[in-house]
Every structure is written in structure tokens, then in C-alpha cells.
Amino acid sequence: MKKPNTIEQEINRIRLEIYEETKNLTPDERTRRSNERGQKLAAQYGFTIGTPASRAKVAVSENANR
């Protein structure tokens, strides 16, 4: 049997930790937590989060300004 390497062990530990933190959350709580984490990462790394429809609206308005 193959012994998991240290990276796999770390990934499994993190997955278990996240599961333990979220296993009793309601769907609304889980969504709110996910959105908060996404917004935090977007601010930290300088990207935006949106739906394909919202990106299309931005592209149309940017082309209209040319």
C-alpha cells in the first residue's frame, strides 16, 4: 500500500478541518461564509467576482464608450 506523502496529508488535514467547521451550517450560512471568503480573496488578489451576465453587461458598456 502506498504511504501518503506529507503534502497529501496536509491537504487531507485542511479538508477535514473545513468539513468540521461547516458540517452543521445551514445552506444560508454556508452561502454567506463562501461569499465572504470569496470577497476577501478577491480584495486580497485584486480580481472581481460576477456572473457571466454581469460580465457581458460590463463588456457591452465598455464597447459603447469607444
N, C-alpha and C. Protein backbone atom coordinates (compact mmCIF):
# COMPACT_ATOMS: atom_id res chain seq x y z
N MET A 1 0.84 -1.18 0.00
CA MET A 1 0.00 0.00 0.00
C MET A 1 0.88 1.24 0.00
N LYS A 2 0.50 2.23 -0.79
CA LYS A 2 1.28 3.46 -0.90
C LYS A 2 1.03 4.33 0.32
N LYS A 3 2.10 4.84 0.89
CA LYS A 3 2.00 5.74 2.04
C LYS A 3 1.80 7.17 1.52
N PRO A 4 0.77 7.89 2.03
CA PRO A 4 0.54 9.26 1.57
C PRO A 4 1.73 10.16 1.92
N ASN A 5 2.09 11.03 0.98
CA ASN A 5 3.20 11.92 1.27
C ASN A 5 2.72 13.07 2.16
N THR A 6 3.63 13.91 2.58
CA THR A 6 3.29 14.96 3.54
C THR A 6 2.34 16.00 2.94
N ILE A 7 2.44 16.25 1.64
CA ILE A 7 1.53 17.21 1.01
C ILE A 7 0.11 16.67 1.02
N GLU A 8 -0.06 15.40 0.68
CA GLU A 8 -1.39 14.79 0.71
C GLU A 8 -1.95 14.80 2.13
N GLN A 9 -1.12 14.53 3.11
CA GLN A 9 -1.56 14.55 4.50
C GLN A 9 -2.02 15.94 4.91
N GLU A 10 -1.30 16.96 4.48
CA GLU A 10 -1.66 18.34 4.80
C GLU A 10 -2.99 18.71 4.14
N ILE A 11 -3.17 18.33 2.88
CA ILE A 11 -4.43 18.60 2.17
C ILE A 11 -5.59 17.90 2.88
N ASN A 12 -5.40 16.65 3.26
CA ASN A 12 -6.45 15.92 3.96
C ASN A 12 -6.77 16.56 5.31
N ARG A 13 -5.77 17.05 6.00
CA ARG A 13 -5.98 17.71 7.29
C ARG A 13 -6.81 18.98 7.11
N ILE A 14 -6.47 19.76 6.09
CA ILE A 14 -7.20 21.00 5.82
C ILE A 14 -8.65 20.69 5.42
N ARG A 15 -8.84 19.69 4.57
CA ARG A 15 -10.20 19.31 4.18
C ARG A 15 -11.04 18.90 5.38
N LEU A 16 -10.46 18.12 6.28
CA LEU A 16 -11.16 17.69 7.47
C LEU A 16 -11.49 18.88 8.37
N GLU A 17 -10.56 19.80 8.50
CA GLU A 17 -10.78 21.00 9.31
C GLU A 17 -11.93 21.83 8.74
N ILE A 18 -11.95 22.04 7.43
CA ILE A 18 -13.03 22.80 6.79
C ILE A 18 -14.37 22.06 6.97
N TYR A 19 -14.35 20.76 6.81
CA TYR A 19 -15.58 19.98 6.99
C TYR A 19 -16.11 20.14 8.40
N GLU A 20 -15.25 20.04 9.40
CA GLU A 20 -15.67 20.17 10.79
C GLU A 20 -16.25 21.55 11.06
N GLU A 21 -15.70 22.59 10.42
CA GLU A 21 -16.19 23.95 10.62
C GLU A 21 -17.55 24.17 9.97
N THR A 22 -17.83 23.45 8.90
CA THR A 22 -19.02 23.75 8.10
C THR A 22 -20.10 22.67 8.14
N LYS A 23 -19.88 21.56 8.77
CA LYS A 23 -20.82 20.44 8.67
C LYS A 23 -22.20 20.74 9.25
N ASN A 24 -22.31 21.63 10.21
CA ASN A 24 -23.61 21.92 10.82
C ASN A 24 -24.22 23.24 10.35
N LEU A 25 -23.64 23.85 9.33
CA LEU A 25 -24.17 25.12 8.84
C LEU A 25 -25.42 24.89 7.99
N THR A 26 -26.33 25.85 8.06
CA THR A 26 -27.49 25.81 7.17
C THR A 26 -27.02 26.22 5.78
N PRO A 27 -27.82 25.96 4.75
CA PRO A 27 -27.43 26.40 3.41
C PRO A 27 -27.17 27.91 3.32
N ASP A 28 -28.00 28.71 4.01
CA ASP A 28 -27.79 30.16 4.00
C ASP A 28 -26.47 30.54 4.67
N GLU A 29 -26.15 29.90 5.79
CA GLU A 29 -24.89 30.18 6.48
C GLU A 29 -23.70 29.77 5.62
N ARG A 30 -23.82 28.62 4.96
CA ARG A 30 -22.75 28.13 4.10
C ARG A 30 -22.52 29.09 2.92
N THR A 31 -23.62 29.57 2.33
CA THR A 31 -23.53 30.52 1.22
C THR A 31 -22.89 31.82 1.68
N ARG A 32 -23.33 32.34 2.82
CA ARG A 32 -22.77 33.58 3.36
C ARG A 32 -21.27 33.43 3.63
N ARG A 33 -20.88 32.31 4.22
CA ARG A 33 -19.46 32.06 4.51
C ARG A 33 -18.64 32.00 3.23
N SER A 34 -19.18 31.30 2.24
CA SER A 34 -18.48 31.18 0.96
C SER A 34 -18.33 32.54 0.28
N ASN A 35 -19.40 33.33 0.29
CA ASN A 35 -19.34 34.66 -0.32
C ASN A 35 -18.35 35.56 0.40
N GLU A 36 -18.33 35.51 1.72
CA GLU A 36 -17.38 36.33 2.49
C GLU A 36 -15.94 35.95 2.17
N ARG A 37 -15.68 34.66 2.09
CA ARG A 37 -14.32 34.20 1.77
C ARG A 37 -13.94 34.61 0.35
N GLY A 38 -14.89 34.51 -0.59
CA GLY A 38 -14.63 34.91 -1.96
C GLY A 38 -14.32 36.40 -2.08
N GLN A 39 -15.10 37.23 -1.38
CA GLN A 39 -14.86 38.67 -1.41
C GLN A 39 -13.51 39.02 -0.80
N LYS A 40 -13.15 38.33 0.28
CA LYS A 40 -11.86 38.57 0.92
C LYS A 40 -10.70 38.22 -0.03
N LEU A 41 -10.82 37.08 -0.71
CA LEU A 41 -9.77 36.69 -1.66
C LEU A 41 -9.72 37.62 -2.85
N ALA A 42 -10.89 38.06 -3.32
CA ALA A 42 -10.94 38.99 -4.45
C ALA A 42 -10.24 40.30 -4.09
N ALA A 43 -10.47 40.80 -2.89
CA ALA A 43 -9.82 42.03 -2.46
C ALA A 43 -8.31 41.82 -2.29
N GLN A 44 -7.95 40.68 -1.74
CA GLN A 44 -6.53 40.39 -1.48
C GLN A 44 -5.74 40.25 -2.78
N TYR A 45 -6.33 39.61 -3.79
CA TYR A 45 -5.59 39.33 -5.02
C TYR A 45 -6.01 40.20 -6.20
N GLY A 46 -6.93 41.13 -5.98
CA GLY A 46 -7.27 42.12 -6.99
C GLY A 46 -8.06 41.61 -8.18
N PHE A 47 -9.01 40.71 -7.95
CA PHE A 47 -9.88 40.29 -9.05
C PHE A 47 -11.33 40.52 -8.65
N THR A 48 -12.23 40.45 -9.63
CA THR A 48 -13.63 40.67 -9.34
C THR A 48 -14.40 39.37 -9.51
N ILE A 49 -15.51 39.29 -8.81
CA ILE A 49 -16.38 38.13 -8.88
C ILE A 49 -17.71 38.60 -9.43
N GLY A 50 -18.21 37.92 -10.43
CA GLY A 50 -19.50 38.28 -11.01
C GLY A 50 -20.06 37.11 -11.78
N THR A 51 -21.27 37.27 -12.25
CA THR A 51 -21.89 36.23 -13.06
C THR A 51 -21.53 36.48 -14.52
N PRO A 52 -21.66 35.50 -15.38
CA PRO A 52 -21.39 35.73 -16.80
C PRO A 52 -22.24 36.86 -17.37
N ALA A 53 -23.48 36.97 -16.91
CA ALA A 53 -24.37 38.04 -17.40
C ALA A 53 -23.84 39.41 -16.99
N SER A 54 -23.34 39.54 -15.77
CA SER A 54 -22.82 40.84 -15.33
C SER A 54 -21.55 41.20 -16.08
N ARG A 55 -20.73 40.21 -16.41
CA ARG A 55 -19.52 40.48 -17.20
C ARG A 55 -19.89 40.91 -18.61
N ALA A 56 -20.93 40.33 -19.17
CA ALA A 56 -21.37 40.70 -20.51
C ALA A 56 -21.87 42.14 -20.53
N LYS A 57 -22.59 42.55 -19.50
CA LYS A 57 -23.08 43.92 -19.42
C LYS A 57 -21.91 44.90 -19.35
N VAL A 58 -20.88 44.55 -18.60
CA VAL A 58 -19.71 45.42 -18.49
C VAL A 58 -19.02 45.52 -19.84
N ALA A 59 -18.88 44.40 -20.54
CA ALA A 59 -18.22 44.41 -21.84
C ALA A 59 -19.00 45.26 -22.84
N VAL A 60 -20.31 45.17 -22.82
CA VAL A 60 -21.14 45.96 -23.73
C VAL A 60 -20.99 47.44 -23.41
N SER A 61 -21.02 47.79 -22.13
CA SER A 61 -20.90 49.21 -21.76
C SER A 61 -19.50 49.74 -22.06
N GLU A 62 -18.47 48.92 -21.93
CA GLU A 62 -17.11 49.36 -22.26
C GLU A 62 -16.98 49.60 -23.76
N ASN A 63 -17.60 48.74 -24.58
CA ASN A 63 -17.54 48.91 -26.03
C ASN A 63 -18.33 50.12 -26.48
N ALA A 64 -19.38 50.46 -25.76
CA ALA A 64 -20.20 51.62 -26.10
C ALA A 64 -19.45 52.93 -25.88
N ASN A 65 -18.49 52.90 -24.97
CA ASN A 65 -17.72 54.11 -24.65
C ASN A 65 -16.59 54.38 -25.63
N ARG A 66 -16.37 53.48 -26.57
CA ARG A 66 -15.25 53.64 -27.52
C ARG A 66 -15.62 54.51 -28.66
